[in-house]
Amino acid sequence: AASGSGEKVTKLVTVAVDVGRIRALPDASSPIKYKVVKGNRLPLLSTDGDWFQVFLGKGKTGWGHKSLFLPAE
């Protein structure tokens, strides 16, 4: 929802799989940094091909393949 103060509204993506692996880089061979669970809603920071960079809170970010998520809202 827009706040009315002119700030950019962040798109959210929802995890669609039971457990998703969030990686250090947008590459399937990149180390797994975090795991997310179905229903988590995460801010989408950027995209790189079929990879989504998401914000996990407390300054943590990582990359998940688009197949882990429902379409961005």
PDB file of N, CA and C in Angstrom:
ATOM      1  N   ALA A   1       0.840  -1.194   0.000  1.00  0.00           N
ATOM      2  CA  ALA A   1       0.000   0.000   0.000  1.00  0.00           C
ATOM      3  C   ALA A   1       0.873   1.240   0.000  1.00  0.00           C
ATOM      4  N   ALA A   2       0.457   2.210  -0.758  1.00  0.00           N
ATOM      5  CA  ALA A   2       1.212   3.456  -0.837  1.00  0.00           C
ATOM      6  C   ALA A   2       1.018   4.249   0.446  1.00  0.00           C
ATOM      7  N   SER A   3       2.061   4.934   0.854  1.00  0.00           N
ATOM      8  CA  SER A   3       1.999   5.691   2.103  1.00  0.00           C
ATOM      9  C   SER A   3       1.582   7.130   1.868  1.00  0.00           C
ATOM     10  N   GLY A   4       1.581   7.568   0.607  1.00  0.00           N
ATOM     11  CA  GLY A   4       1.204   8.942   0.310  1.00  0.00           C
ATOM     12  C   GLY A   4       2.344   9.920   0.445  1.00  0.00           C
ATOM     13  N   SER A   5       3.541   9.450   0.848  1.00  0.00           N
ATOM     14  CA  SER A   5       4.664  10.367   1.030  1.00  0.00           C
ATOM     15  C   SER A   5       5.590  10.365  -0.173  1.00  0.00           C
ATOM     16  N   GLY A   6       5.184   9.719  -1.271  1.00  0.00           N
ATOM     17  CA  GLY A   6       5.995   9.717  -2.478  1.00  0.00           C
ATOM     18  C   GLY A   6       7.083   8.668  -2.477  1.00  0.00           C
ATOM     19  N   GLU A   7       7.146   7.836  -1.439  1.00  0.00           N
ATOM     20  CA  GLU A   7       8.190   6.825  -1.428  1.00  0.00           C
ATOM     21  C   GLU A   7       7.817   5.672  -2.354  1.00  0.00           C
ATOM     22  N   LYS A   8       8.830   5.008  -2.884  1.00  0.00           N
ATOM     23  CA  LYS A   8       8.620   3.895  -3.796  1.00  0.00           C
ATOM     24  C   LYS A   8       7.956   2.730  -3.062  1.00  0.00           C
ATOM     25  N   VAL A   9       6.946   2.169  -3.682  1.00  0.00           N
ATOM     26  CA  VAL A   9       6.276   1.004  -3.110  1.00  0.00           C
ATOM     27  C   VAL A   9       7.032  -0.236  -3.562  1.00  0.00           C
ATOM     28  N   THR A  10       7.469  -1.032  -2.596  1.00  0.00           N
ATOM     29  CA  THR A  10       8.244  -2.222  -2.884  1.00  0.00           C
ATOM     30  C   THR A  10       7.320  -3.362  -3.276  1.00  0.00           C
ATOM     31  N   LYS A  11       7.707  -4.082  -4.332  1.00  0.00           N
ATOM     32  CA  LYS A  11       6.972  -5.286  -4.684  1.00  0.00           C
ATOM     33  C   LYS A  11       7.319  -6.394  -3.699  1.00  0.00           C
ATOM     34  N   LEU A  12       6.322  -7.203  -3.400  1.00  0.00           N
ATOM     35  CA  LEU A  12       6.528  -8.343  -2.524  1.00  0.00           C
ATOM     36  C   LEU A  12       6.350  -9.618  -3.331  1.00  0.00           C
ATOM     37  N   VAL A  13       7.160 -10.618  -2.997  1.00  0.00           N
ATOM     38  CA  VAL A  13       6.976 -11.941  -3.580  1.00  0.00           C
ATOM     39  C   VAL A  13       6.662 -12.901  -2.445  1.00  0.00           C
ATOM     40  N   THR A  14       5.821 -13.880  -2.730  1.00  0.00           N
ATOM     41  CA  THR A  14       5.403 -14.855  -1.734  1.00  0.00           C
ATOM     42  C   THR A  14       6.016 -16.208  -2.079  1.00  0.00           C
ATOM     43  N   VAL A  15       6.608 -16.846  -1.070  1.00  0.00           N
ATOM     44  CA  VAL A  15       7.220 -18.158  -1.272  1.00  0.00           C
ATOM     45  C   VAL A  15       6.106 -19.170  -1.547  1.00  0.00           C
ATOM     46  N   ALA A  16       6.258 -19.929  -2.643  1.00  0.00           N
ATOM     47  CA  ALA A  16       5.228 -20.866  -3.090  1.00  0.00           C
ATOM     48  C   ALA A  16       5.596 -22.325  -2.829  1.00  0.00           C
ATOM     49  N   VAL A  17       6.817 -22.571  -2.393  1.00  0.00           N
ATOM     50  CA  VAL A  17       7.277 -23.943  -2.153  1.00  0.00           C
ATOM     51  C   VAL A  17       7.407 -24.179  -0.652  1.00  0.00           C
ATOM     52  N   ASP A  18       7.428 -25.444  -0.232  1.00  0.00           N
ATOM     53  CA  ASP A  18       7.510 -25.749   1.202  1.00  0.00           C
ATOM     54  C   ASP A  18       8.766 -25.151   1.831  1.00  0.00           C
ATOM     55  N   VAL A  19       9.922 -25.365   1.198  1.00  0.00           N
ATOM     56  CA  VAL A  19      11.186 -24.785   1.654  1.00  0.00           C
ATOM     57  C   VAL A  19      11.965 -24.327   0.427  1.00  0.00           C
ATOM     58  N   GLY A  20      12.362 -23.068   0.433  1.00  0.00           N
ATOM     59  CA  GLY A  20      13.136 -22.519  -0.680  1.00  0.00           C
ATOM     60  C   GLY A  20      14.528 -22.143  -0.221  1.00  0.00           C
ATOM     61  N   ARG A  21      15.501 -22.349  -1.095  1.00  0.00           N
ATOM     62  CA  ARG A  21      16.889 -22.012  -0.781  1.00  0.00           C
ATOM     63  C   ARG A  21      17.234 -20.645  -1.360  1.00  0.00           C
ATOM     64  N   ILE A  22      17.753 -19.793  -0.499  1.00  0.00           N
ATOM     65  CA  ILE A  22      18.190 -18.458  -0.901  1.00  0.00           C
ATOM     66  C   ILE A  22      19.707 -18.483  -0.969  1.00  0.00           C
ATOM     67  N   ARG A  23      20.234 -18.112  -2.109  1.00  0.00           N
ATOM     68  CA  ARG A  23      21.665 -18.265  -2.387  1.00  0.00           C
ATOM     69  C   ARG A  23      22.412 -16.936  -2.348  1.00  0.00           C
ATOM     70  N   ALA A  24      23.725 -17.044  -2.264  1.00  0.00           N
ATOM     71  CA  ALA A  24      24.580 -15.856  -2.186  1.00  0.00           C
ATOM     72  C   ALA A  24      24.566 -15.073  -3.498  1.00  0.00           C
ATOM     73  N   LEU A  25      24.489 -15.775  -4.621  1.00  0.00           N
ATOM     74  CA  LEU A  25      24.534 -15.168  -5.956  1.00  0.00           C
ATOM     75  C   LEU A  25      23.428 -15.768  -6.814  1.00  0.00           C
ATOM     76  N   PRO A  26      23.049 -15.096  -7.914  1.00  0.00           N
ATOM     77  CA  PRO A  26      21.980 -15.617  -8.775  1.00  0.00           C
ATOM     78  C   PRO A  26      22.471 -16.764  -9.664  1.00  0.00           C
ATOM     79  N   ASP A  27      22.806 -17.879  -9.028  1.00  0.00           N
ATOM     80  CA  ASP A  27      23.362 -19.028  -9.732  1.00  0.00           C
ATOM     81  C   ASP A  27      23.069 -20.280  -8.909  1.00  0.00           C
ATOM     82  N   ALA A  28      22.604 -21.345  -9.569  1.00  0.00           N
ATOM     83  CA  ALA A  28      22.212 -22.568  -8.852  1.00  0.00           C
ATOM     84  C   ALA A  28      23.386 -23.240  -8.145  1.00  0.00           C
ATOM     85  N   SER A  29      24.615 -22.938  -8.548  1.00  0.00           N
ATOM     86  CA  SER A  29      25.775 -23.534  -7.893  1.00  0.00           C
ATOM     87  C   SER A  29      26.326 -22.655  -6.766  1.00  0.00           C
ATOM     88  N   SER A  30      25.707 -21.496  -6.560  1.00  0.00           N
ATOM     89  CA  SER A  30      26.139 -20.580  -5.501  1.00  0.00           C
ATOM     90  C   SER A  30      25.763 -21.163  -4.137  1.00  0.00           C
ATOM     91  N   PRO A  31      26.564 -20.889  -3.106  1.00  0.00           N
ATOM     92  CA  PRO A  31      26.260 -21.406  -1.766  1.00  0.00           C
ATOM     93  C   PRO A  31      24.894 -20.960  -1.257  1.00  0.00           C
ATOM     94  N   ILE A  32      24.223 -21.832  -0.527  1.00  0.00           N
ATOM     95  CA  ILE A  32      22.938 -21.507   0.100  1.00  0.00           C
ATOM     96  C   ILE A  32      23.224 -20.700   1.369  1.00  0.00           C
ATOM     97  N   LYS A  33      22.597 -19.530   1.481  1.00  0.00           N
ATOM     98  CA  LYS A  33      22.781 -18.672   2.650  1.00  0.00           C
ATOM     99  C   LYS A  33      21.650 -18.821   3.652  1.00  0.00           C
ATOM    100  N   TYR A  34      20.421 -18.934   3.152  1.00  0.00           N
ATOM    101  CA  TYR A  34      19.249 -18.946   4.013  1.00  0.00           C
ATOM    102  C   TYR A  34      18.213 -19.886   3.423  1.00  0.00           C
ATOM    103  N   LYS A  35      17.205 -20.213   4.234  1.00  0.00           N
ATOM    104  CA  LYS A  35      16.055 -20.962   3.746  1.00  0.00           C
ATOM    105  C   LYS A  35      14.801 -20.180   4.101  1.00  0.00           C
ATOM    106  N   VAL A  36      13.827 -20.251   3.205  1.00  0.00           N
ATOM    107  CA  VAL A  36      12.537 -19.593   3.428  1.00  0.00           C
ATOM    108  C   VAL A  36      11.447 -20.652   3.328  1.00  0.00           C
ATOM    109  N   VAL A  37      10.317 -20.381   3.945  1.00  0.00           N
ATOM    110  CA  VAL A  37       9.237 -21.362   3.957  1.00  0.00           C
ATOM    111  C   VAL A  37       7.996 -20.794   3.272  1.00  0.00           C
ATOM    112  N   LYS A  38       7.147 -21.713   2.852  1.00  0.00           N
ATOM    113  CA  LYS A  38       5.929 -21.372   2.127  1.00  0.00           C
ATOM    114  C   LYS A  38       5.130 -20.319   2.882  1.00  0.00           C
ATOM    115  N   GLY A  39       4.680 -19.330   2.140  1.00  0.00           N
ATOM    116  CA  GLY A  39       3.866 -18.266   2.728  1.00  0.00           C
ATOM    117  C   GLY A  39       4.649 -17.030   3.128  1.00  0.00           C
ATOM    118  N   ASN A  40       5.984 -17.129   3.260  1.00  0.00           N
ATOM    119  CA  ASN A  40       6.785 -15.940   3.571  1.00  0.00           C
ATOM    120  C   ASN A  40       6.594 -14.911   2.463  1.00  0.00           C
ATOM    121  N   ARG A  41       6.417 -13.657   2.860  1.00  0.00           N
ATOM    122  CA  ARG A  41       6.314 -12.552   1.890  1.00  0.00           C
ATOM    123  C   ARG A  41       7.572 -11.707   2.039  1.00  0.00           C
ATOM    124  N   LEU A  42       8.302 -11.591   0.945  1.00  0.00           N
ATOM    125  CA  LEU A  42       9.599 -10.928   0.986  1.00  0.00           C
ATOM    126  C   LEU A  42       9.646  -9.767  -0.003  1.00  0.00           C
ATOM    127  N   PRO A  43      10.249  -8.643   0.392  1.00  0.00           N
ATOM    128  CA  PRO A  43      10.439  -7.547  -0.556  1.00  0.00           C
ATOM    129  C   PRO A  43      11.384  -7.961  -1.686  1.00  0.00           C
ATOM    130  N   LEU A  44      10.995  -7.644  -2.909  1.00  0.00           N
ATOM    131  CA  LEU A  44      11.808  -7.922  -4.095  1.00  0.00           C
ATOM    132  C   LEU A  44      12.702  -6.719  -4.358  1.00  0.00           C
ATOM    133  N   LEU A  45      14.023  -6.935  -4.303  1.00  0.00           N
ATOM    134  CA  LEU A  45      14.979  -5.838  -4.489  1.00  0.00           C
ATOM    135  C   LEU A  45      15.361  -5.650  -5.946  1.00  0.00           C
ATOM    136  N   SER A  46      15.619  -6.757  -6.637  1.00  0.00           N
ATOM    137  CA  SER A  46      16.018  -6.679  -8.040  1.00  0.00           C
ATOM    138  C   SER A  46      15.852  -8.049  -8.674  1.00  0.00           C
ATOM    139  N   THR A  47      16.049  -8.092  -9.988  1.00  0.00           N
ATOM    140  CA  THR A  47      16.001  -9.354 -10.707  1.00  0.00           C
ATOM    141  C   THR A  47      17.239  -9.475 -11.585  1.00  0.00           C
ATOM    142  N   ASP A  48      17.614 -10.717 -11.864  1.00  0.00           N
ATOM    143  CA  ASP A  48      18.724 -10.997 -12.769  1.00  0.00           C
ATOM    144  C   ASP A  48      18.336 -12.252 -13.544  1.00  0.00           C
ATOM    145  N   GLY A  49      17.784 -12.060 -14.746  1.00  0.00           N
ATOM    146  CA  GLY A  49      17.283 -13.196 -15.501  1.00  0.00           C
ATOM    147  C   GLY A  49      16.123 -13.842 -14.751  1.00  0.00           C
ATOM    148  N   ASP A  50      16.263 -15.126 -14.431  1.00  0.00           N
ATOM    149  CA  ASP A  50      15.220 -15.862 -13.715  1.00  0.00           C
ATOM    150  C   ASP A  50      15.410 -15.851 -12.207  1.00  0.00           C
ATOM    151  N   TRP A  51      16.268 -14.964 -11.705  1.00  0.00           N
ATOM    152  CA  TRP A  51      16.575 -14.917 -10.268  1.00  0.00           C
ATOM    153  C   TRP A  51      16.034 -13.633  -9.655  1.00  0.00           C
ATOM    154  N   PHE A  52      15.522 -13.764  -8.432  1.00  0.00           N
ATOM    155  CA  PHE A  52      15.001 -12.632  -7.671  1.00  0.00           C
ATOM    156  C   PHE A  52      15.908 -12.383  -6.473  1.00  0.00           C
ATOM    157  N   GLN A  53      16.338 -11.134  -6.309  1.00  0.00           N
ATOM    158  CA  GLN A  53      17.055 -10.755  -5.096  1.00  0.00           C
ATOM    159  C   GLN A  53      16.021 -10.274  -4.091  1.00  0.00           C
ATOM    160  N   VAL A  54      16.006 -10.909  -2.914  1.00  0.00           N
ATOM    161  CA  VAL A  54      15.006 -10.594  -1.901  1.00  0.00           C
ATOM    162  C   VAL A  54      15.677 -10.111  -0.616  1.00  0.00           C
ATOM    163  N   PHE A  55      14.901  -9.341   0.153  1.00  0.00           N
ATOM    164  CA  PHE A  55      15.355  -8.831   1.441  1.00  0.00           C
ATOM    165  C   PHE A  55      14.754  -9.717   2.531  1.00  0.00           C
ATOM    166  N   LEU A  56      15.600 -10.212   3.427  1.00  0.00           N
ATOM    167  CA  LEU A  56      15.174 -11.151   4.448  1.00  0.00           C
ATOM    168  C   LEU A  56      15.085 -10.523   5.837  1.00  0.00           C
ATOM    169  N   GLY A  57      15.345  -9.237   5.929  1.00  0.00           N
ATOM    170  CA  GLY A  57      15.295  -8.559   7.219  1.00  0.00           C
ATOM    171  C   GLY A  57      16.677  -8.476   7.851  1.00  0.00           C
ATOM    172  N   LYS A  58      16.837  -7.538   8.770  1.00  0.00           N
ATOM    173  CA  LYS A  58      18.098  -7.347   9.503  1.00  0.00           C
ATOM    174  C   LYS A  58      19.309  -7.232   8.581  1.00  0.00           C
ATOM    175  N   GLY A  59      19.125  -6.566   7.436  1.00  0.00           N
ATOM    176  CA  GLY A  59      20.225  -6.326   6.510  1.00  0.00           C
ATOM    177  C   GLY A  59      20.601  -7.507   5.637  1.00  0.00           C
ATOM    178  N   LYS A  60      19.867  -8.616   5.727  1.00  0.00           N
ATOM    179  CA  LYS A  60      20.220  -9.815   4.972  1.00  0.00           C
ATOM    180  C   LYS A  60      19.485  -9.852   3.637  1.00  0.00           C
ATOM    181  N   THR A  61      20.246 -10.152   2.583  1.00  0.00           N
ATOM    182  CA  THR A  61      19.658 -10.323   1.256  1.00  0.00           C
ATOM    183  C   THR A  61      20.197 -11.601   0.636  1.00  0.00           C
ATOM    184  N   GLY A  62      19.514 -12.060  -0.383  1.00  0.00           N
ATOM    185  CA  GLY A  62      19.968 -13.242  -1.101  1.00  0.00           C
ATOM    186  C   GLY A  62      19.162 -13.414  -2.368  1.00  0.00           C
ATOM    187  N   TRP A  63      19.488 -14.467  -3.109  1.00  0.00           N
ATOM    188  CA  TRP A  63      18.893 -14.713  -4.413  1.00  0.00           C
ATOM    189  C   TRP A  63      18.126 -16.025  -4.420  1.00  0.00           C
ATOM    190  N   GLY A  64      16.915 -15.981  -4.960  1.00  0.00           N
ATOM    191  CA  GLY A  64      16.115 -17.179  -5.124  1.00  0.00           C
ATOM    192  C   GLY A  64      15.613 -17.281  -6.550  1.00  0.00           C
ATOM    193  N   HIS A  65      15.563 -18.490  -7.107  1.00  0.00           N
ATOM    194  CA  HIS A  65      15.044 -18.673  -8.460  1.00  0.00           C
ATOM    195  C   HIS A  65      13.570 -18.308  -8.485  1.00  0.00           C
ATOM    196  N   LYS A  66      13.117 -17.735  -9.583  1.00  0.00           N
ATOM    197  CA  LYS A  66      11.726 -17.285  -9.658  1.00  0.00           C
ATOM    198  C   LYS A  66      10.736 -18.423  -9.440  1.00  0.00           C
ATOM    199  N   SER A  67      11.154 -19.666  -9.668  1.00  0.00           N
ATOM    200  CA  SER A  67      10.244 -20.798  -9.493  1.00  0.00           C
ATOM    201  C   SER A  67       9.874 -21.030  -8.021  1.00  0.00           C
ATOM    202  N   LEU A  68      10.590 -20.391  -7.102  1.00  0.00           N
ATOM    203  CA  LEU A  68      10.278 -20.509  -5.674  1.00  0.00           C
ATOM    204  C   LEU A  68       9.086 -19.654  -5.264  1.00  0.00           C
ATOM    205  N   PHE A  69       8.731 -18.682  -6.105  1.00  0.00           N
ATOM    206  CA  PHE A  69       7.804 -17.628  -5.700  1.00  0.00           C
ATOM    207  C   PHE A  69       6.560 -17.571  -6.555  1.00  0.00           C
ATOM    208  N   LEU A  70       5.483 -17.088  -5.934  1.00  0.00           N
ATOM    209  CA  LEU A  70       4.299 -16.692  -6.694  1.00  0.00           C
ATOM    210  C   LEU A  70       4.643 -15.404  -7.442  1.00  0.00           C
ATOM    211  N   PRO A  71       3.855 -15.029  -8.464  1.00  0.00           N
ATOM    212  CA  PRO A  71       4.148 -13.777  -9.182  1.00  0.00           C
ATOM    213  C   PRO A  71       4.179 -12.580  -8.223  1.00  0.00           C
ATOM    214  N   ALA A  72       5.038 -11.638  -8.537  1.00  0.00           N
ATOM    215  CA  ALA A  72       5.185 -10.425  -7.707  1.00  0.00           C
ATOM    216  C   ALA A  72       3.888  -9.638  -7.675  1.00  0.00           C
ATOM    217  N   GLU A  73       3.618  -9.033  -6.545  1.00  0.00           N
ATOM    218  CA  GLU A  73       2.410  -8.197  -6.384  1.00  0.00           C
ATOM    219  C   GLU A  73       2.768  -6.733  -6.541  1.00  0.00           C
TER     220      GLU A  73
END
